Amino acid sequence: MPVMIGLQATQLIRSFEETGNWDAAAKAGIEPSVSLQDGQSSIHYDKRVPIIAMTANALSESAEECYANGMDSFVSSL
């Protein structure tokens, strides 16, 4: 399984939510854990997954970057 930072993971999740397919994830080398039946090219979810950033960086720029990349909230672990 590839390692990615939270911003990348958030972008992939939001892309899936918008498009209903894992094309971006497949390009990044990630295989979905859901097996697709023949002829089924995508799965659509009606709910948005809440994503909360947790970081040691308390700068407001970090929070803004998280929100800009699709995260719903930001928590500093300081």
C-alpha atoms as a PDB file:
ATOM      1  CA  MET A   1       0.000   0.000   0.000  1.00  0.00           C
ATOM      2  CA  PRO A   2       1.444   3.377  -0.965  1.00  0.00           C
ATOM      3  CA  VAL A   3       2.115   5.924   1.737  1.00  0.00           C
ATOM      4  CA  MET A   4       0.593   9.348   1.241  1.00  0.00           C
ATOM      5  CA  ILE A   5       0.147  12.467   3.264  1.00  0.00           C
ATOM      6  CA  GLY A   6      -3.254  13.508   4.525  1.00  0.00           C
ATOM      7  CA  LEU A   7      -3.705  16.179   1.860  1.00  0.00           C
ATOM      8  CA  GLN A   8      -3.237  13.611  -0.913  1.00  0.00           C
ATOM      9  CA  ALA A   9      -5.594  11.153   0.752  1.00  0.00           C
ATOM     10  CA  THR A  10      -8.212  13.878   1.173  1.00  0.00           C
ATOM     11  CA  GLN A  11      -7.958  14.858  -2.488  1.00  0.00           C
ATOM     12  CA  LEU A  12      -8.462  11.235  -3.569  1.00  0.00           C
ATOM     13  CA  ILE A  13     -11.450  10.765  -1.281  1.00  0.00           C
ATOM     14  CA  ARG A  14     -13.089  13.996  -2.458  1.00  0.00           C
ATOM     15  CA  SER A  15     -12.411  13.032  -6.086  1.00  0.00           C
ATOM     16  CA  PHE A  16     -14.151   9.701  -5.499  1.00  0.00           C
ATOM     17  CA  GLU A  17     -17.105  11.425  -3.859  1.00  0.00           C
ATOM     18  CA  GLU A  18     -17.503  13.763  -6.839  1.00  0.00           C
ATOM     19  CA  THR A  19     -17.000  11.250  -9.647  1.00  0.00           C
ATOM     20  CA  GLY A  20     -18.048   7.948  -8.088  1.00  0.00           C
ATOM     21  CA  ASN A  21     -14.955   6.137  -9.343  1.00  0.00           C
ATOM     22  CA  TRP A  22     -11.421   5.477  -8.196  1.00  0.00           C
ATOM     23  CA  ASP A  23      -9.588   6.541 -11.386  1.00  0.00           C
ATOM     24  CA  ALA A  24      -7.417   9.035  -9.515  1.00  0.00           C
ATOM     25  CA  ALA A  25      -6.680   6.449  -6.835  1.00  0.00           C
ATOM     26  CA  ALA A  26      -5.757   3.843  -9.442  1.00  0.00           C
ATOM     27  CA  LYS A  27      -3.338   6.300 -11.053  1.00  0.00           C
ATOM     28  CA  ALA A  28      -1.746   6.791  -7.631  1.00  0.00           C
ATOM     29  CA  GLY A  29      -1.324   3.029  -7.231  1.00  0.00           C
ATOM     30  CA  ILE A  30      -4.158   2.490  -4.760  1.00  0.00           C
ATOM     31  CA  GLU A  31      -6.605  -0.339  -5.276  1.00  0.00           C
ATOM     32  CA  PRO A  32     -10.114   0.048  -3.848  1.00  0.00           C
ATOM     33  CA  SER A  33     -11.040  -2.525  -1.228  1.00  0.00           C
ATOM     34  CA  VAL A  34     -14.471  -2.985  -2.832  1.00  0.00           C
ATOM     35  CA  SER A  35     -14.549  -5.590  -5.586  1.00  0.00           C
ATOM     36  CA  LEU A  36     -16.409  -4.457  -8.683  1.00  0.00           C
ATOM     37  CA  GLN A  37     -18.679  -6.790 -10.618  1.00  0.00           C
ATOM     38  CA  ASP A  38     -18.349  -7.084 -14.392  1.00  0.00           C
ATOM     39  CA  GLY A  39     -19.733  -4.002 -16.066  1.00  0.00           C
ATOM     40  CA  GLN A  40     -19.793  -2.000 -12.864  1.00  0.00           C
ATOM     41  CA  SER A  41     -17.384   0.864 -13.420  1.00  0.00           C
ATOM     42  CA  SER A  42     -18.165   2.959 -10.372  1.00  0.00           C
ATOM     43  CA  ILE A  43     -19.821   3.056  -6.981  1.00  0.00           C
ATOM     44  CA  HIS A  44     -21.738   6.127  -5.836  1.00  0.00           C
ATOM     45  CA  TYR A  45     -21.987   7.187  -2.209  1.00  0.00           C
ATOM     46  CA  ASP A  46     -24.498   9.822  -1.152  1.00  0.00           C
ATOM     47  CA  LYS A  47     -22.696  10.856   2.014  1.00  0.00           C
ATOM     48  CA  ARG A  48     -19.619  13.020   2.385  1.00  0.00           C
ATOM     49  CA  VAL A  49     -16.912  11.470   4.570  1.00  0.00           C
ATOM     50  CA  PRO A  50     -15.891  13.905   7.326  1.00  0.00           C
ATOM     51  CA  ILE A  51     -12.131  14.453   7.303  1.00  0.00           C
ATOM     52  CA  ILE A  52     -10.405  16.182  10.216  1.00  0.00           C
ATOM     53  CA  ALA A  53      -6.752  17.194  10.067  1.00  0.00           C
ATOM     54  CA  MET A  54      -4.630  16.608  13.161  1.00  0.00           C
ATOM     55  CA  THR A  55      -1.208  18.189  13.102  1.00  0.00           C
ATOM     56  CA  ALA A  56       1.439  19.622  15.398  1.00  0.00           C
ATOM     57  CA  ASN A  57       1.538  22.709  13.178  1.00  0.00           C
ATOM     58  CA  ALA A  58      -0.726  25.400  14.651  1.00  0.00           C
ATOM     59  CA  LEU A  59      -0.165  28.051  11.980  1.00  0.00           C
ATOM     60  CA  SER A  60      -3.269  29.506  10.359  1.00  0.00           C
ATOM     61  CA  GLU A  61      -1.724  28.845   6.930  1.00  0.00           C
ATOM     62  CA  SER A  62      -1.768  25.119   7.695  1.00  0.00           C
ATOM     63  CA  ALA A  63      -5.449  25.220   8.580  1.00  0.00           C
ATOM     64  CA  GLU A  64      -6.222  27.166   5.400  1.00  0.00           C
ATOM     65  CA  GLU A  65      -4.320  24.594   3.306  1.00  0.00           C
ATOM     66  CA  CYS A  66      -6.291  21.766   4.907  1.00  0.00           C
ATOM     67  CA  TYR A  67      -9.620  23.472   4.211  1.00  0.00           C
ATOM     68  CA  ALA A  68      -8.554  24.302   0.642  1.00  0.00           C
ATOM     69  CA  ASN A  69      -7.847  20.604   0.025  1.00  0.00           C
ATOM     70  CA  GLY A  70     -11.278  19.438   1.184  1.00  0.00           C
ATOM     71  CA  MET A  71     -10.856  18.765   4.893  1.00  0.00           C
ATOM     72  CA  ASP A  72     -13.776  19.639   7.145  1.00  0.00           C
ATOM     73  CA  SER A  73     -11.962  20.642  10.321  1.00  0.00           C
ATOM     74  CA  PHE A  74      -8.498  21.242  11.744  1.00  0.00           C
ATOM     75  CA  VAL A  75      -7.099  20.293  15.163  1.00  0.00           C
ATOM     76  CA  SER A  76      -3.654  21.213  16.440  1.00  0.00           C
ATOM     77  CA  SER A  77      -2.118  18.619  18.753  1.00  0.00           C
ATOM     78  CA  LEU A  78      -0.188  21.190  20.759  1.00  0.00           C
END
